[in-house]
């Protein structure tokens, strides 16, 4: 059992130890969005190659993966968390 934290600044008052969320710096958001764009380009290339190679299921799944990565990259850039 741990002793209660009675600091006057209020830190340690959260019993579950959760840290409040702070927005990511802009440079970090831009870097994460750039990585997402690279991964989306790879998914798009795989989708095109799959359709050309006669594998429509793989093409559709890769296309969906591309859209999901672009979506999450955009959310990361705009929301900042």
C-alpha atoms as a PDB file:
ATOM      1  CA  UNK A   1       0.000   0.000   0.000  1.00  0.00           C
ATOM      2  CA  UNK A   2       1.333   3.434  -0.886  1.00  0.00           C
ATOM      3  CA  UNK A   3       1.064   6.525   1.218  1.00  0.00           C
ATOM      4  CA  UNK A   4      -1.101   9.388  -0.055  1.00  0.00           C
ATOM      5  CA  UNK A   5       0.679  12.246  -1.775  1.00  0.00           C
ATOM      6  CA  UNK A   6      -0.088  15.463   0.085  1.00  0.00           C
ATOM      7  CA  UNK A   7       1.869  17.919  -2.011  1.00  0.00           C
ATOM      8  CA  UNK A   8       0.397  21.447  -2.095  1.00  0.00           C
ATOM      9  CA  UNK A   9       0.704  21.762  -5.901  1.00  0.00           C
ATOM     10  CA  UNK A  10      -1.987  19.097  -6.428  1.00  0.00           C
ATOM     11  CA  UNK A  11       0.224  16.646  -8.294  1.00  0.00           C
ATOM     12  CA  UNK A  12      -0.419  13.052  -7.462  1.00  0.00           C
ATOM     13  CA  UNK A  13      -4.098  13.689  -6.765  1.00  0.00           C
ATOM     14  CA  UNK A  14      -5.168  11.409  -9.629  1.00  0.00           C
ATOM     15  CA  UNK A  15      -5.627   7.945  -8.060  1.00  0.00           C
ATOM     16  CA  UNK A  16      -5.259   5.954 -11.284  1.00  0.00           C
ATOM     17  CA  UNK A  17      -1.998   7.667 -12.248  1.00  0.00           C
ATOM     18  CA  UNK A  18      -3.272   8.970 -15.598  1.00  0.00           C
ATOM     19  CA  UNK A  19      -1.392  11.897 -17.048  1.00  0.00           C
ATOM     20  CA  UNK A  20      -3.515  14.604 -18.685  1.00  0.00           C
ATOM     21  CA  UNK A  21      -3.117  14.651 -22.462  1.00  0.00           C
ATOM     22  CA  UNK A  22      -1.080  17.478 -23.953  1.00  0.00           C
ATOM     23  CA  UNK A  23      -1.033  18.342 -27.655  1.00  0.00           C
ATOM     24  CA  UNK A  24       1.920  17.115 -29.698  1.00  0.00           C
ATOM     25  CA  UNK A  25       4.359  19.729 -31.017  1.00  0.00           C
ATOM     26  CA  UNK A  26       3.814  20.757 -34.655  1.00  0.00           C
ATOM     27  CA  UNK A  27       7.142  19.278 -35.820  1.00  0.00           C
ATOM     28  CA  UNK A  28       6.155  15.901 -34.386  1.00  0.00           C
ATOM     29  CA  UNK A  29       2.731  16.049 -36.057  1.00  0.00           C
ATOM     30  CA  UNK A  30       4.341  16.898 -39.411  1.00  0.00           C
ATOM     31  CA  UNK A  31       6.810  14.021 -39.035  1.00  0.00           C
ATOM     32  CA  UNK A  32       4.071  11.524 -38.176  1.00  0.00           C
ATOM     33  CA  UNK A  33       1.987  12.740 -41.129  1.00  0.00           C
ATOM     34  CA  UNK A  34       5.007  12.312 -43.439  1.00  0.00           C
ATOM     35  CA  UNK A  35       5.477   8.735 -42.239  1.00  0.00           C
ATOM     36  CA  UNK A  36       1.758   8.110 -42.815  1.00  0.00           C
ATOM     37  CA  UNK A  37       2.066   9.439 -46.371  1.00  0.00           C
ATOM     38  CA  UNK A  38       4.985   7.110 -47.060  1.00  0.00           C
ATOM     39  CA  UNK A  39       3.031   4.113 -45.775  1.00  0.00           C
ATOM     40  CA  UNK A  40      -0.041   5.193 -47.753  1.00  0.00           C
ATOM     41  CA  UNK A  41       2.055   5.380 -50.917  1.00  0.00           C
ATOM     42  CA  UNK A  42       3.299   1.830 -50.301  1.00  0.00           C
ATOM     43  CA  UNK A  43      -0.282   0.602 -49.784  1.00  0.00           C
ATOM     44  CA  UNK A  44      -1.367   2.395 -52.972  1.00  0.00           C
ATOM     45  CA  UNK A  45       1.496   0.808 -54.935  1.00  0.00           C
ATOM     46  CA  UNK A  46       0.544  -2.617 -53.577  1.00  0.00           C
ATOM     47  CA  UNK A  47      -3.108  -2.028 -54.525  1.00  0.00           C
ATOM     48  CA  UNK A  48      -2.197  -1.069 -58.089  1.00  0.00           C
ATOM     49  CA  UNK A  49       0.198  -4.007 -58.421  1.00  0.00           C
ATOM     50  CA  UNK A  50      -2.456  -6.391 -57.085  1.00  0.00           C
ATOM     51  CA  UNK A  51      -5.086  -5.191 -59.559  1.00  0.00           C
ATOM     52  CA  UNK A  52      -2.619  -5.430 -62.443  1.00  0.00           C
ATOM     53  CA  UNK A  53      -1.599  -8.896 -61.278  1.00  0.00           C
ATOM     54  CA  UNK A  54      -5.185 -10.133 -61.197  1.00  0.00           C
ATOM     55  CA  UNK A  55      -5.714 -10.195 -57.423  1.00  0.00           C
ATOM     56  CA  UNK A  56      -8.761  -7.969 -56.838  1.00  0.00           C
ATOM     57  CA  UNK A  57      -9.254  -8.946 -53.183  1.00  0.00           C
ATOM     58  CA  UNK A  58      -5.679  -7.971 -52.308  1.00  0.00           C
ATOM     59  CA  UNK A  59      -6.099  -4.788 -54.338  1.00  0.00           C
ATOM     60  CA  UNK A  60      -9.260  -3.782 -52.498  1.00  0.00           C
ATOM     61  CA  UNK A  61      -7.745  -4.563 -49.097  1.00  0.00           C
ATOM     62  CA  UNK A  62      -4.599  -2.579 -49.931  1.00  0.00           C
ATOM     63  CA  UNK A  63      -6.711   0.333 -51.149  1.00  0.00           C
ATOM     64  CA  UNK A  64      -8.669   0.310 -47.906  1.00  0.00           C
ATOM     65  CA  UNK A  65      -5.380   0.217 -45.981  1.00  0.00           C
ATOM     66  CA  UNK A  66      -4.162   3.218 -47.969  1.00  0.00           C
ATOM     67  CA  UNK A  67      -7.293   5.215 -47.157  1.00  0.00           C
ATOM     68  CA  UNK A  68      -7.117   4.289 -43.470  1.00  0.00           C
ATOM     69  CA  UNK A  69      -3.487   5.385 -43.180  1.00  0.00           C
ATOM     70  CA  UNK A  70      -4.235   8.691 -44.927  1.00  0.00           C
ATOM     71  CA  UNK A  71      -7.210   9.216 -42.603  1.00  0.00           C
ATOM     72  CA  UNK A  72      -5.213   8.573 -39.425  1.00  0.00           C
ATOM     73  CA  UNK A  73      -2.288  10.670 -40.688  1.00  0.00           C
ATOM     74  CA  UNK A  74      -4.659  13.556 -41.337  1.00  0.00           C
ATOM     75  CA  UNK A  75      -6.218  13.200 -37.905  1.00  0.00           C
ATOM     76  CA  UNK A  76      -2.771  13.230 -36.329  1.00  0.00           C
ATOM     77  CA  UNK A  77      -1.836  16.382 -38.191  1.00  0.00           C
ATOM     78  CA  UNK A  78      -5.077  18.226 -37.481  1.00  0.00           C
ATOM     79  CA  UNK A  79      -5.930  17.055 -33.960  1.00  0.00           C
ATOM     80  CA  UNK A  80      -2.423  16.974 -32.570  1.00  0.00           C
ATOM     81  CA  UNK A  81      -2.823  14.032 -30.184  1.00  0.00           C
END
